[in-house]
Amino acid sequence: FRKRLVLKLAAAVTNAATGMTLTDAHNGLRALRVDAAHVVN
């Protein structure tokens, strides 16, 4: 429960800052096409 609550709060803060609609903003499993990987800094 507590971790879910914090993760949901993190997603809400991230979505407000980015305009995205993620359900899970702090998940370390990602697949990026190479053009997207070049965006990361």
All heavy atoms as atom14 arrays in JSON, in Angstrom:
{
  "sequence": "FRKRLVLKLAAAVTNAATGMTLTDAHNGLRALRVDAAHVVN",
  "atom14_mask": [
    [1, 1, 1, 1, 1, 1, 1, 1, 1, 1, 1, 0, 0, 0],
    [1, 1, 1, 1, 1, 1, 1, 1, 1, 1, 1, 0, 0, 0],
    [1, 1, 1, 1, 1, 1, 1, 1, 1, 0, 0, 0, 0, 0],
    [1, 1, 1, 1, 1, 1, 1, 1, 1, 1, 1, 0, 0, 0],
    [1, 1, 1, 1, 1, 1, 1, 1, 0, 0, 0, 0, 0, 0],
    [1, 1, 1, 1, 1, 1, 1, 0, 0, 0, 0, 0, 0, 0],
    [1, 1, 1, 1, 1, 1, 1, 1, 0, 0, 0, 0, 0, 0],
    [1, 1, 1, 1, 1, 1, 1, 1, 1, 0, 0, 0, 0, 0],
    [1, 1, 1, 1, 1, 1, 1, 1, 0, 0, 0, 0, 0, 0],
    [1, 1, 1, 1, 1, 0, 0, 0, 0, 0, 0, 0, 0, 0],
    [1, 1, 1, 1, 1, 0, 0, 0, 0, 0, 0, 0, 0, 0],
    [1, 1, 1, 1, 1, 0, 0, 0, 0, 0, 0, 0, 0, 0],
    [1, 1, 1, 1, 1, 1, 1, 0, 0, 0, 0, 0, 0, 0],
    [1, 1, 1, 1, 1, 1, 1, 0, 0, 0, 0, 0, 0, 0],
    [1, 1, 1, 1, 1, 1, 1, 1, 0, 0, 0, 0, 0, 0],
    [1, 1, 1, 1, 1, 0, 0, 0, 0, 0, 0, 0, 0, 0],
    [1, 1, 1, 1, 1, 0, 0, 0, 0, 0, 0, 0, 0, 0],
    [1, 1, 1, 1, 1, 1, 1, 0, 0, 0, 0, 0, 0, 0],
    [1, 1, 1, 1, 0, 0, 0, 0, 0, 0, 0, 0, 0, 0],
    [1, 1, 1, 1, 1, 1, 1, 1, 0, 0, 0, 0, 0, 0],
    [1, 1, 1, 1, 1, 1, 1, 0, 0, 0, 0, 0, 0, 0],
    [1, 1, 1, 1, 1, 1, 1, 1, 0, 0, 0, 0, 0, 0],
    [1, 1, 1, 1, 1, 1, 1, 0, 0, 0, 0, 0, 0, 0],
    [1, 1, 1, 1, 1, 1, 1, 1, 0, 0, 0, 0, 0, 0],
    [1, 1, 1, 1, 1, 0, 0, 0, 0, 0, 0, 0, 0, 0],
    [1, 1, 1, 1, 1, 1, 1, 1, 1, 1, 0, 0, 0, 0],
    [1, 1, 1, 1, 1, 1, 1, 1, 0, 0, 0, 0, 0, 0],
    [1, 1, 1, 1, 0, 0, 0, 0, 0, 0, 0, 0, 0, 0],
    [1, 1, 1, 1, 1, 1, 1, 1, 0, 0, 0, 0, 0, 0],
    [1, 1, 1, 1, 1, 1, 1, 1, 1, 1, 1, 0, 0, 0],
    [1, 1, 1, 1, 1, 0, 0, 0, 0, 0, 0, 0, 0, 0],
    [1, 1, 1, 1, 1, 1, 1, 1, 0, 0, 0, 0, 0, 0],
    [1, 1, 1, 1, 1, 1, 1, 1, 1, 1, 1, 0, 0, 0],
    [1, 1, 1, 1, 1, 1, 1, 0, 0, 0, 0, 0, 0, 0],
    [1, 1, 1, 1, 1, 1, 1, 1, 0, 0, 0, 0, 0, 0],
    [1, 1, 1, 1, 1, 0, 0, 0, 0, 0, 0, 0, 0, 0],
    [1, 1, 1, 1, 1, 0, 0, 0, 0, 0, 0, 0, 0, 0],
    [1, 1, 1, 1, 1, 1, 1, 1, 1, 1, 0, 0, 0, 0],
    [1, 1, 1, 1, 1, 1, 1, 0, 0, 0, 0, 0, 0, 0],
    [1, 1, 1, 1, 1, 1, 1, 0, 0, 0, 0, 0, 0, 0],
    [1, 1, 1, 1, 1, 1, 1, 1, 0, 0, 0, 0, 0, 0]
  ],
  "atom14_positions": [
    [[0.81, -1.22, 0.0], [0.0, 0.0, 0.0], [0.85, 1.27, 0.0], [0.63, 2.18, -0.79], [-0.93, 0.0, 1.22], [-1.72, 1.28, 1.36], [-2.81, 1.53, 0.54], [-1.33, 2.24, 2.29], [-3.53, 2.73, 0.66], [-2.04, 3.43, 2.41], [-3.15, 3.67, 1.6], [0.0, 0.0, 0.0], [0.0, 0.0, 0.0], [0.0, 0.0, 0.0]],
    [[1.83, 1.36, 0.9], [2.61, 2.6, 1.02], [3.44, 2.86, -0.22], [3.5, 3.99, -0.7], [3.48, 2.55, 2.27], [2.71, 2.65, 3.58], [3.64, 2.69, 4.76], [4.49, 1.51, 4.83], [5.53, 1.38, 5.64], [5.87, 2.38, 6.45], [6.23, 0.27, 5.67], [0.0, 0.0, 0.0], [0.0, 0.0, 0.0], [0.0, 0.0, 0.0]],
    [[4.09, 1.83, -0.73], [4.9, 2.02, -1.94], [4.01, 2.39, -3.13], [4.37, 3.25, -3.94], [5.7, 0.76, -2.25], [6.74, 0.94, -3.35], [7.6, -0.29, -3.49], [8.69, -0.09, -4.53], [9.72, 0.86, -4.08], [0.0, 0.0, 0.0], [0.0, 0.0, 0.0], [0.0, 0.0, 0.0], [0.0, 0.0, 0.0], [0.0, 0.0, 0.0]],
    [[2.85, 1.74, -3.24], [1.93, 2.08, -4.31], [1.53, 3.56, -4.23], [1.48, 4.26, -5.24], [0.68, 1.2, -4.24], [-0.34, 1.47, -5.33], [-1.59, 0.62, -5.1], [-1.29, -0.78, -5.23], [-1.38, -1.46, -6.37], [-1.74, -0.84, -7.48], [-1.11, -2.75, -6.4], [0.0, 0.0, 0.0], [0.0, 0.0, 0.0], [0.0, 0.0, 0.0]],
    [[1.26, 4.02, -3.02], [0.84, 5.41, -2.82], [1.94, 6.38, -3.26], [1.67, 7.35, -3.99], [0.49, 5.63, -1.35], [-0.07, 7.0, -0.99], [-1.41, 7.23, -1.68], [-0.23, 7.11, 0.54], [0.0, 0.0, 0.0], [0.0, 0.0, 0.0], [0.0, 0.0, 0.0], [0.0, 0.0, 0.0], [0.0, 0.0, 0.0], [0.0, 0.0, 0.0]],
    [[3.18, 6.1, -2.85], [4.29, 6.99, -3.21], [4.53, 6.96, -4.72], [4.76, 8.0, -5.35], [5.56, 6.6, -2.43], [6.77, 7.34, -2.98], [5.39, 6.91, -0.95], [0.0, 0.0, 0.0], [0.0, 0.0, 0.0], [0.0, 0.0, 0.0], [0.0, 0.0, 0.0], [0.0, 0.0, 0.0], [0.0, 0.0, 0.0], [0.0, 0.0, 0.0]],
    [[4.48, 5.77, -5.32], [4.69, 5.66, -6.77], [3.59, 6.37, -7.55], [3.86, 7.0, -8.59], [4.77, 4.19, -7.18], [6.03, 3.45, -6.73], [5.87, 1.95, -6.95], [7.26, 3.96, -7.47], [0.0, 0.0, 0.0], [0.0, 0.0, 0.0], [0.0, 0.0, 0.0], [0.0, 0.0, 0.0], [0.0, 0.0, 0.0], [0.0, 0.0, 0.0]],
    [[2.36, 6.3, -7.07], [1.26, 7.0, -7.73], [1.44, 8.51, -7.61], [1.17, 9.27, -8.55], [-0.08, 6.57, -7.12], [-0.51, 5.16, -7.48], [-0.9, 5.04, -8.94], [-1.52, 3.7, -9.26], [-1.9, 3.59, -10.69], [0.0, 0.0, 0.0], [0.0, 0.0, 0.0], [0.0, 0.0, 0.0], [0.0, 0.0, 0.0], [0.0, 0.0, 0.0]],
    [[1.93, 8.96, -6.45], [2.2, 10.39, -6.28], [3.31, 10.84, -7.2], [3.23, 11.91, -7.83], [2.56, 10.67, -4.82], [2.91, 12.12, -4.47], [1.78, 13.06, -4.82], [3.27, 12.23, -2.98], [0.0, 0.0, 0.0], [0.0, 0.0, 0.0], [0.0, 0.0, 0.0], [0.0, 0.0, 0.0], [0.0, 0.0, 0.0], [0.0, 0.0, 0.0]],
    [[4.37, 10.03, -7.31], [5.47, 10.37, -8.22], [4.98, 10.45, -9.66], [5.38, 11.35, -10.42], [6.58, 9.32, -8.1], [0.0, 0.0, 0.0], [0.0, 0.0, 0.0], [0.0, 0.0, 0.0], [0.0, 0.0, 0.0], [0.0, 0.0, 0.0], [0.0, 0.0, 0.0], [0.0, 0.0, 0.0], [0.0, 0.0, 0.0], [0.0, 0.0, 0.0]],
    [[4.09, 9.54, -10.05], [3.55, 9.58, -11.41], [2.72, 10.84, -11.63], [2.81, 11.48, -12.69], [2.71, 8.34, -11.67], [0.0, 0.0, 0.0], [0.0, 0.0, 0.0], [0.0, 0.0, 0.0], [0.0, 0.0, 0.0], [0.0, 0.0, 0.0], [0.0, 0.0, 0.0], [0.0, 0.0, 0.0], [0.0, 0.0, 0.0], [0.0, 0.0, 0.0]],
    [[1.93, 11.23, -10.63], [1.1, 12.43, -10.76], [1.96, 13.68, -10.91], [1.68, 14.55, -11.74], [0.18, 12.56, -9.54], [0.0, 0.0, 0.0], [0.0, 0.0, 0.0], [0.0, 0.0, 0.0], [0.0, 0.0, 0.0], [0.0, 0.0, 0.0], [0.0, 0.0, 0.0], [0.0, 0.0, 0.0], [0.0, 0.0, 0.0], [0.0, 0.0, 0.0]],
    [[3.04, 13.76, -10.09], [3.93, 14.92, -10.18], [4.62, 14.95, -11.55], [4.72, 15.99, -12.2], [4.98, 14.88, -9.05], [6.05, 15.94, -9.25], [4.29, 15.05, -7.7], [0.0, 0.0, 0.0], [0.0, 0.0, 0.0], [0.0, 0.0, 0.0], [0.0, 0.0, 0.0], [0.0, 0.0, 0.0], [0.0, 0.0, 0.0], [0.0, 0.0, 0.0]],
    [[5.1, 13.79, -11.99], [5.79, 13.72, -13.29], [4.84, 14.06, -14.42], [5.19, 14.8, -15.36], [6.36, 12.31, -13.5], [7.27, 12.02, -12.44], [7.1, 12.21, -14.82], [0.0, 0.0, 0.0], [0.0, 0.0, 0.0], [0.0, 0.0, 0.0], [0.0, 0.0, 0.0], [0.0, 0.0, 0.0], [0.0, 0.0, 0.0], [0.0, 0.0, 0.0]],
    [[3.62, 13.55, -14.37], [2.65, 13.84, -15.43], [2.31, 15.32, -15.49], [2.18, 15.89, -16.58], [1.38, 13.01, -15.21], [1.59, 11.53, -15.47], [2.57, 11.14, -16.08], [0.67, 10.71, -15.0], [0.0, 0.0, 0.0], [0.0, 0.0, 0.0], [0.0, 0.0, 0.0], [0.0, 0.0, 0.0], [0.0, 0.0, 0.0], [0.0, 0.0, 0.0]],
    [[2.19, 15.95, -14.32], [1.89, 17.37, -14.3], [3.03, 18.18, -14.92], [2.8, 19.2, -15.58], [1.64, 17.83, -12.86], [0.0, 0.0, 0.0], [0.0, 0.0, 0.0], [0.0, 0.0, 0.0], [0.0, 0.0, 0.0], [0.0, 0.0, 0.0], [0.0, 0.0, 0.0], [0.0, 0.0, 0.0], [0.0, 0.0, 0.0], [0.0, 0.0, 0.0]],
    [[4.26, 17.72, -14.73], [5.43, 18.44, -15.25], [5.66, 18.19, -16.73], [6.25, 19.03, -17.42], [6.67, 18.05, -14.46], [0.0, 0.0, 0.0], [0.0, 0.0, 0.0], [0.0, 0.0, 0.0], [0.0, 0.0, 0.0], [0.0, 0.0, 0.0], [0.0, 0.0, 0.0], [0.0, 0.0, 0.0], [0.0, 0.0, 0.0], [0.0, 0.0, 0.0]],
    [[5.21, 17.03, -17.23], [5.55, 16.65, -18.61], [4.37, 16.64, -19.56], [4.56, 16.6, -20.78], [6.17, 15.24, -18.64], [5.19, 14.28, -18.2], [7.39, 15.16, -17.73], [0.0, 0.0, 0.0], [0.0, 0.0, 0.0], [0.0, 0.0, 0.0], [0.0, 0.0, 0.0], [0.0, 0.0, 0.0], [0.0, 0.0, 0.0], [0.0, 0.0, 0.0]],
    [[3.14, 16.67, -19.02], [1.97, 16.56, -19.88], [1.69, 15.15, -20.34], [0.79, 14.93, -21.16], [0.0, 0.0, 0.0], [0.0, 0.0, 0.0], [0.0, 0.0, 0.0], [0.0, 0.0, 0.0], [0.0, 0.0, 0.0], [0.0, 0.0, 0.0], [0.0, 0.0, 0.0], [0.0, 0.0, 0.0], [0.0, 0.0, 0.0], [0.0, 0.0, 0.0]],
    [[2.44, 14.18, -19.82], [2.22, 12.78, -20.17], [1.14, 12.19, -19.25], [0.69, 12.85, -18.31], [3.52, 12.0, -20.09], [4.6, 12.52, -21.03], [6.18, 11.64, -20.9], [5.83, 10.17, -21.86], [0.0, 0.0, 0.0], [0.0, 0.0, 0.0], [0.0, 0.0, 0.0], [0.0, 0.0, 0.0], [0.0, 0.0, 0.0], [0.0, 0.0, 0.0]],
    [[0.74, 10.97, -19.53], [-0.3, 10.31, -18.73], [0.17, 8.92, -18.3], [-0.47, 7.92, -18.6], [-1.61, 10.2, -19.52], [-1.34, 9.57, -20.78], [-2.22, 11.57, -19.76], [0.0, 0.0, 0.0], [0.0, 0.0, 0.0], [0.0, 0.0, 0.0], [0.0, 0.0, 0.0], [0.0, 0.0, 0.0], [0.0, 0.0, 0.0], [0.0, 0.0, 0.0]],
    [[1.29, 8.88, -17.64], [1.86, 7.61, -17.2], [1.17, 7.1, -15.95], [0.76, 7.88, -15.09], [3.36, 7.77, -16.91], [4.26, 8.18, -18.09], [5.69, 8.34, -17.6], [4.19, 7.15, -19.2], [0.0, 0.0, 0.0], [0.0, 0.0, 0.0], [0.0, 0.0, 0.0], [0.0, 0.0, 0.0], [0.0, 0.0, 0.0], [0.0, 0.0, 0.0]],
    [[1.1, 5.78, -15.84], [0.61, 5.17, -14.61], [1.74, 4.82, -13.66], [1.51, 4.57, -12.48], [-0.2, 3.9, -14.92], [0.66, 2.95, -15.58], [-1.39, 4.21, -15.82], [0.0, 0.0, 0.0], [0.0, 0.0, 0.0], [0.0, 0.0, 0.0], [0.0, 0.0, 0.0], [0.0, 0.0, 0.0], [0.0, 0.0, 0.0], [0.0, 0.0, 0.0]],
    [[2.98, 4.76, -14.18], [4.13, 4.31, -13.38], [5.38, 5.02, -13.88], [6.05, 4.55, -14.79], [4.28, 2.8, -13.51], [5.3, 2.21, -12.54], [5.9, 2.98, -11.76], [5.48, 0.98, -12.57], [0.0, 0.0, 0.0], [0.0, 0.0, 0.0], [0.0, 0.0, 0.0], [0.0, 0.0, 0.0], [0.0, 0.0, 0.0], [0.0, 0.0, 0.0]],
    [[5.7, 6.16, -13.27], [6.8, 6.99, -13.76], [8.17, 6.53, -13.27], [9.19, 6.98, -13.78], [6.58, 8.45, -13.35], [0.0, 0.0, 0.0], [0.0, 0.0, 0.0], [0.0, 0.0, 0.0], [0.0, 0.0, 0.0], [0.0, 0.0, 0.0], [0.0, 0.0, 0.0], [0.0, 0.0, 0.0], [0.0, 0.0, 0.0], [0.0, 0.0, 0.0]],
    [[8.21, 5.62, -12.28], [9.48, 5.21, -11.68], [9.75, 3.73, -11.9], [10.23, 3.03, -11.02], [9.5, 5.55, -10.19], [9.86, 6.98, -9.93], [10.94, 7.36, -9.17], [9.3, 8.13, -10.35], [11.02, 8.67, -9.13], [10.03, 9.17, -9.84], [0.0, 0.0, 0.0], [0.0, 0.0, 0.0], [0.0, 0.0, 0.0], [0.0, 0.0, 0.0]],
    [[9.5, 3.28, -13.11], [9.78, 1.9, -13.47], [11.06, 1.87, -14.29], [11.17, 2.56, -15.31], [8.61, 1.33, -14.29], [8.64, -0.18, -14.38], [9.65, -0.77, -14.74], [7.52, -0.81, -14.06], [0.0, 0.0, 0.0], [0.0, 0.0, 0.0], [0.0, 0.0, 0.0], [0.0, 0.0, 0.0], [0.0, 0.0, 0.0], [0.0, 0.0, 0.0]],
    [[12.03, 1.07, -13.85], [13.34, 1.06, -14.5], [13.43, 0.25, -15.77], [14.47, 0.26, -16.44], [0.0, 0.0, 0.0], [0.0, 0.0, 0.0], [0.0, 0.0, 0.0], [0.0, 0.0, 0.0], [0.0, 0.0, 0.0], [0.0, 0.0, 0.0], [0.0, 0.0, 0.0], [0.0, 0.0, 0.0], [0.0, 0.0, 0.0], [0.0, 0.0, 0.0]],
    [[12.35, -0.45, -16.14], [12.36, -1.25, -17.37], [11.8, -0.41, -18.51], [10.63, -0.03, -18.51], [11.52, -2.52, -17.17], [11.49, -3.51, -18.34], [12.88, -3.9, -18.8], [10.7, -4.75, -17.97], [0.0, 0.0, 0.0], [0.0, 0.0, 0.0], [0.0, 0.0, 0.0], [0.0, 0.0, 0.0], [0.0, 0.0, 0.0], [0.0, 0.0, 0.0]],
    [[12.67, -0.11, -19.47], [12.3, 0.74, -20.6], [12.91, 0.17, -21.87], [14.02, -0.38, -21.83], [12.83, 2.17, -20.42], [12.59, 2.8, -19.07], [13.34, 4.12, -18.93], [13.26, 4.67, -17.59], [14.11, 4.41, -16.6], [15.13, 3.56, -16.82], [13.97, 4.97, -15.42], [0.0, 0.0, 0.0], [0.0, 0.0, 0.0], [0.0, 0.0, 0.0]],
    [[12.22, 0.35, -22.99], [12.78, 0.03, -24.3], [12.74, 1.29, -25.14], [11.67, 1.87, -25.35], [11.99, -1.09, -24.98], [0.0, 0.0, 0.0], [0.0, 0.0, 0.0], [0.0, 0.0, 0.0], [0.0, 0.0, 0.0], [0.0, 0.0, 0.0], [0.0, 0.0, 0.0], [0.0, 0.0, 0.0], [0.0, 0.0, 0.0], [0.0, 0.0, 0.0]],
    [[13.91, 1.71, -25.58], [14.04, 2.96, -26.34], [14.61, 2.66, -27.72], [15.64, 1.98, -27.84], [14.98, 3.93, -25.62], [14.68, 4.24, -24.16], [15.75, 5.17, -23.6], [13.3, 4.85, -24.01], [0.0, 0.0, 0.0], [0.0, 0.0, 0.0], [0.0, 0.0, 0.0], [0.0, 0.0, 0.0], [0.0, 0.0, 0.0], [0.0, 0.0, 0.0]],
    [[13.94, 3.15, -28.74], [14.56, 3.13, -30.06], [15.76, 4.05, -30.01], [15.81, 4.98, -29.19], [13.52, 3.59, -31.09], [13.72, 3.06, -32.5], [12.51, 3.36, -33.34], [12.26, 4.81, -33.42], [11.12, 5.33, -33.86], [10.12, 4.56, -34.25], [10.97, 6.65, -33.9], [0.0, 0.0, 0.0], [0.0, 0.0, 0.0], [0.0, 0.0, 0.0]],
    [[16.72, 3.84, -30.88], [17.99, 4.57, -30.74], [17.8, 6.08, -30.85], [18.52, 6.85, -30.21], [19.04, 4.03, -31.74], [18.69, 4.42, -33.17], [20.44, 4.49, -31.34], [0.0, 0.0, 0.0], [0.0, 0.0, 0.0], [0.0, 0.0, 0.0], [0.0, 0.0, 0.0], [0.0, 0.0, 0.0], [0.0, 0.0, 0.0], [0.0, 0.0, 0.0]],
    [[16.82, 6.55, -31.65], [16.61, 7.99, -31.73], [16.12, 8.54, -30.39], [16.48, 9.66, -29.99], [15.65, 8.36, -32.86], [14.33, 7.61, -32.82], [14.26, 6.54, -32.2], [13.36, 8.09, -33.46], [0.0, 0.0, 0.0], [0.0, 0.0, 0.0], [0.0, 0.0, 0.0], [0.0, 0.0, 0.0], [0.0, 0.0, 0.0], [0.0, 0.0, 0.0]],
    [[15.32, 7.77, -29.67], [14.9, 8.18, -28.33], [16.06, 8.12, -27.34], [16.19, 8.99, -26.47], [13.75, 7.3, -27.85], [0.0, 0.0, 0.0], [0.0, 0.0, 0.0], [0.0, 0.0, 0.0], [0.0, 0.0, 0.0], [0.0, 0.0, 0.0], [0.0, 0.0, 0.0], [0.0, 0.0, 0.0], [0.0, 0.0, 0.0], [0.0, 0.0, 0.0]],
    [[16.91, 7.12, -27.48], [18.07, 7.01, -26.59], [18.98, 8.23, -26.73], [19.6, 8.67, -25.75], [18.85, 5.74, -26.89], [0.0, 0.0, 0.0], [0.0, 0.0, 0.0], [0.0, 0.0, 0.0], [0.0, 0.0, 0.0], [0.0, 0.0, 0.0], [0.0, 0.0, 0.0], [0.0, 0.0, 0.0], [0.0, 0.0, 0.0], [0.0, 0.0, 0.0]],
    [[19.05, 8.81, -27.92], [19.89, 9.99, -28.12], [19.33, 11.24, -27.45], [20.05, 12.22, -27.28], [20.09, 10.24, -29.62], [21.19, 9.42, -30.21], [22.52, 9.71, -30.04], [21.16, 8.3, -30.97], [23.27, 8.82, -30.68], [22.46, 7.95, -31.24], [0.0, 0.0, 0.0], [0.0, 0.0, 0.0], [0.0, 0.0, 0.0], [0.0, 0.0, 0.0]],
    [[18.06, 11.19, -27.05], [17.45, 12.33, -26.36], [17.89, 12.38, -24.9], [17.9, 13.44, -24.27], [15.9, 12.21, -26.45], [15.2, 13.18, -25.52], [15.45, 12.4, -27.89], [0.0, 0.0, 0.0], [0.0, 0.0, 0.0], [0.0, 0.0, 0.0], [0.0, 0.0, 0.0], [0.0, 0.0, 0.0], [0.0, 0.0, 0.0], [0.0, 0.0, 0.0]],
    [[18.28, 11.25, -24.34], [18.53, 11.13, -22.9], [19.85, 11.81, -22.53], [20.91, 11.48, -23.06], [18.55, 9.66, -22.47], [18.89, 9.53, -20.98], [17.21, 8.99, -22.78], [0.0, 0.0, 0.0], [0.0, 0.0, 0.0], [0.0, 0.0, 0.0], [0.0, 0.0, 0.0], [0.0, 0.0, 0.0], [0.0, 0.0, 0.0], [0.0, 0.0, 0.0]],
    [[19.76, 12.75, -21.59], [20.94, 13.46, -21.09], [20.72, 13.73, -19.6], [20.37, 14.83, -19.19], [21.18, 14.76, -21.85], [22.42, 15.49, -21.36], [23.35, 14.9, -20.83], [22.43, 16.8, -21.53], [0.0, 0.0, 0.0], [0.0, 0.0, 0.0], [0.0, 0.0, 0.0], [0.0, 0.0, 0.0], [0.0, 0.0, 0.0], [0.0, 0.0, 0.0]]
  ]
}
